Amino acid sequence: MALVENGRDIFETMFEHNVVVCYIGPFDGQILSLLASNIEDSLWDDPKRGKKFFKIFIELSQNIYLYSKEKVDGLDSAGVGLIIIKEYDDYFQFITGNMVDHDDYVKLSEKCALIVSKSKDELREFKRQQRSLSRPDSDSGNIGIIQSTILSGYPPAYTFHKIDDDNYFYILSIRIDK
């Protein structure tokens, strides 16, 4: 009985906070494919807007898959993280979170501050520069965050919560108009 009551409390809390999608776990290809197709088909009446949302979902999910410090062995070393999608009257809020180490914290905080400071045109040029610098064995330049910001039209919100001297929990939020 306590589990049912607790489940109801979780549902009510999520409902009160406008949560329409919540996933915590490994970000492997099979799970991402299932989540992506359900999100694209169920949240949008307008296919064009659905595709934009889908692209942002894929970009940010790939960042967790590739860069989360927490990995799941046996799933192509899939990164572990979370996705929360909240729905409001005129927009969706897409929130991702995952663990990063201190070095990634430093790089990401600098990169996010730079992304927030740029206009849409500057971001397009910045993305081109980052792509030309990217190599398979190097940091991709967080092109997914840049692309998501361009698609969204809004700067991302981000924060880092220090876990200990070596680990941070990184949260990124992107707004997507309906």
Protein backbone atom coordinates (compact mmCIF):
# COMPACT_ATOMS: atom_id res chain seq x y z
CA MET A 1 0.00 0.00 0.00
CA ALA A 2 2.82 2.43 0.82
CA LEU A 3 4.32 1.95 -2.66
CA VAL A 4 1.00 2.85 -4.31
CA GLU A 5 0.64 5.96 -2.17
CA ASN A 6 4.25 6.92 -2.89
CA GLY A 7 3.65 6.38 -6.63
CA ARG A 8 0.62 8.65 -6.46
CA ASP A 9 2.72 11.30 -4.69
CA ILE A 10 5.35 11.08 -7.42
CA PHE A 11 2.69 11.40 -10.12
CA GLU A 12 1.08 14.40 -8.42
CA THR A 13 4.44 16.12 -7.95
CA MET A 14 5.36 15.60 -11.59
CA PHE A 15 1.92 16.81 -12.70
CA GLU A 16 2.18 19.93 -10.51
CA HIS A 17 5.58 20.71 -12.08
CA ASN A 18 4.33 20.24 -15.68
CA VAL A 19 6.50 17.16 -16.32
CA VAL A 20 5.34 15.24 -19.41
CA VAL A 21 8.44 13.07 -19.90
CA CYS A 22 11.01 11.90 -17.37
CA TYR A 23 13.72 9.33 -18.00
CA ILE A 24 16.71 8.44 -15.84
CA GLY A 25 19.18 5.78 -16.89
CA PRO A 26 21.55 4.72 -19.66
CA PHE A 27 21.43 6.59 -22.97
CA ASP A 28 22.03 3.78 -25.44
CA GLY A 29 20.84 3.70 -29.05
CA GLN A 30 17.83 1.45 -28.44
CA ILE A 31 16.46 3.53 -25.56
CA LEU A 32 17.09 6.80 -27.39
CA SER A 33 15.31 5.52 -30.47
CA LEU A 34 12.25 4.46 -28.48
CA LEU A 35 12.08 7.72 -26.52
CA ALA A 36 12.68 9.86 -29.60
CA SER A 37 9.94 8.27 -31.69
CA ASN A 38 7.42 8.54 -28.85
CA ILE A 39 8.34 12.16 -28.17
CA GLU A 40 8.23 13.17 -31.83
CA ASP A 41 4.85 11.50 -32.39
CA SER A 42 3.05 12.44 -29.19
CA LEU A 43 4.00 15.99 -28.22
CA TRP A 44 3.52 17.84 -31.49
CA ASP A 45 0.61 18.45 -33.81
CA ASP A 46 2.83 20.37 -36.23
CA PRO A 47 5.35 18.02 -37.93
CA LYS A 48 7.82 20.86 -38.62
CA ARG A 49 7.99 21.83 -34.95
CA GLY A 50 8.12 18.15 -34.00
CA LYS A 51 11.22 17.68 -36.15
CA LYS A 52 12.94 20.66 -34.52
CA PHE A 53 12.15 19.27 -31.08
CA PHE A 54 13.32 15.82 -32.19
CA LYS A 55 16.66 17.26 -33.40
CA ILE A 56 17.22 19.02 -30.08
CA PHE A 57 16.36 15.82 -28.22
CA ILE A 58 18.90 13.85 -30.27
CA GLU A 59 21.66 16.47 -29.93
CA LEU A 60 21.34 16.72 -26.14
CA SER A 61 20.86 12.98 -25.65
CA GLN A 62 24.01 12.27 -27.64
CA ASN A 63 25.91 14.59 -25.33
CA ILE A 64 24.88 12.43 -22.38
CA TYR A 65 25.63 9.22 -24.29
CA LEU A 66 29.12 10.42 -25.20
CA TYR A 67 30.23 12.59 -22.29
CA SER A 68 28.55 11.46 -19.08
CA LYS A 69 31.15 10.34 -16.57
CA GLU A 70 28.84 7.54 -15.48
CA LYS A 71 28.87 4.70 -18.02
CA VAL A 72 27.04 1.41 -18.37
CA ASP A 73 29.23 -1.46 -19.50
CA GLY A 74 27.68 -3.77 -22.05
CA LEU A 75 25.69 -0.99 -23.70
CA ASP A 76 28.54 0.35 -25.84
CA SER A 77 29.65 2.25 -22.73
CA ALA A 78 26.46 4.32 -22.83
CA GLY A 79 26.44 7.39 -20.64
CA VAL A 80 23.98 7.64 -17.78
CA GLY A 81 21.86 10.73 -17.23
CA LEU A 82 18.38 12.15 -17.14
CA ILE A 83 15.87 13.90 -19.37
CA ILE A 84 12.92 15.89 -18.13
CA ILE A 85 10.49 17.56 -20.50
CA LYS A 86 8.09 20.09 -19.02
CA GLU A 87 5.13 21.56 -20.88
CA TYR A 88 3.82 25.08 -20.41
CA ASP A 89 1.14 26.99 -22.30
CA ASP A 90 3.42 28.33 -25.03
CA TYR A 91 6.66 26.35 -24.74
CA PHE A 92 8.42 23.17 -23.63
CA GLN A 93 11.42 23.10 -21.34
CA PHE A 94 13.92 20.37 -22.11
CA ILE A 95 16.22 19.55 -19.17
CA THR A 96 19.15 17.13 -19.24
CA GLY A 97 21.56 16.18 -16.49
CA ASN A 98 24.62 14.00 -16.10
CA MET A 99 27.83 13.61 -14.12
CA VAL A 100 31.04 15.20 -15.41
CA ASP A 101 34.56 15.21 -14.03
CA HIS A 102 36.46 18.34 -13.04
CA ASP A 103 38.18 18.77 -16.42
CA ASP A 104 34.85 18.53 -18.28
CA TYR A 105 33.30 20.92 -15.77
CA VAL A 106 35.94 23.53 -16.61
CA LYS A 107 35.54 23.04 -20.40
CA LEU A 108 31.72 22.95 -20.29
CA SER A 109 31.34 25.99 -18.04
CA GLU A 110 33.57 28.03 -20.38
CA LYS A 111 31.81 26.71 -23.50
CA CYS A 112 28.31 27.32 -22.11
CA ALA A 113 29.20 30.86 -21.06
CA LEU A 114 30.51 31.49 -24.57
CA ILE A 115 27.40 30.01 -26.21
CA VAL A 116 25.08 32.14 -24.05
CA SER A 117 26.98 35.29 -25.02
CA LYS A 118 26.62 34.82 -28.80
CA SER A 119 23.89 35.86 -31.24
CA LYS A 120 22.29 33.33 -33.57
CA ASP A 121 24.56 34.38 -36.47
CA GLU A 122 27.64 34.24 -34.25
CA LEU A 123 26.59 30.77 -33.09
CA ARG A 124 26.35 29.56 -36.69
CA GLU A 125 29.88 30.77 -37.37
CA PHE A 126 31.09 29.31 -34.07
CA LYS A 127 29.54 25.94 -34.99
CA ARG A 128 31.37 25.98 -38.35
CA GLN A 129 34.63 26.73 -36.55
CA GLN A 130 34.07 23.94 -34.04
CA ARG A 131 33.26 21.44 -36.79
CA SER A 132 36.45 22.30 -38.64
CA LEU A 133 38.43 21.71 -35.43
CA SER A 134 36.71 18.44 -34.51
CA ARG A 135 38.51 15.18 -34.98
CA PRO A 136 37.31 11.72 -33.95
CA ASP A 137 39.91 11.57 -31.18
CA SER A 138 39.22 15.03 -29.76
CA ASP A 139 36.57 17.05 -27.94
CA SER A 140 33.75 17.70 -30.41
CA GLY A 141 33.38 21.26 -29.19
CA ASN A 142 29.91 20.52 -27.81
CA ILE A 143 28.36 21.13 -31.20
CA GLY A 144 25.12 19.58 -29.91
CA ILE A 145 24.65 22.40 -27.41
CA ILE A 146 25.43 24.99 -30.09
CA GLN A 147 23.00 23.38 -32.56
CA SER A 148 20.26 23.07 -29.92
CA THR A 149 20.64 26.75 -29.06
CA ILE A 150 20.39 27.73 -32.73
CA LEU A 151 17.29 25.55 -33.23
CA SER A 152 15.66 26.78 -30.03
CA GLY A 153 16.32 30.47 -30.58
CA TYR A 154 16.95 30.90 -26.84
CA PRO A 155 20.17 30.74 -24.87
CA PRO A 156 20.50 27.62 -22.75
CA ALA A 157 20.35 27.74 -18.97
CA TYR A 158 22.95 25.64 -17.23
CA THR A 159 24.31 24.91 -13.79
CA PHE A 160 26.81 22.64 -12.10
CA HIS A 161 26.34 21.08 -8.68
CA LYS A 162 29.59 20.07 -7.03
CA ILE A 163 29.44 16.50 -5.74
CA ASP A 164 33.05 16.29 -4.53
CA ASP A 165 36.47 17.61 -5.64
CA ASP A 166 36.41 15.53 -8.83
CA ASN A 167 32.71 15.32 -9.80
CA TYR A 168 29.93 17.70 -10.79
CA PHE A 169 26.33 17.17 -11.82
CA TYR A 170 25.74 19.20 -14.98
CA ILE A 171 22.21 20.42 -15.78
CA LEU A 172 21.31 22.00 -19.11
CA SER A 173 17.91 23.49 -19.98
CA ILE A 174 16.67 24.50 -23.43
CA ARG A 175 13.37 26.27 -24.18
CA ILE A 176 11.41 25.25 -27.26
CA ASP A 177 8.41 27.34 -28.32
CA LYS A 178 5.24 25.55 -29.33
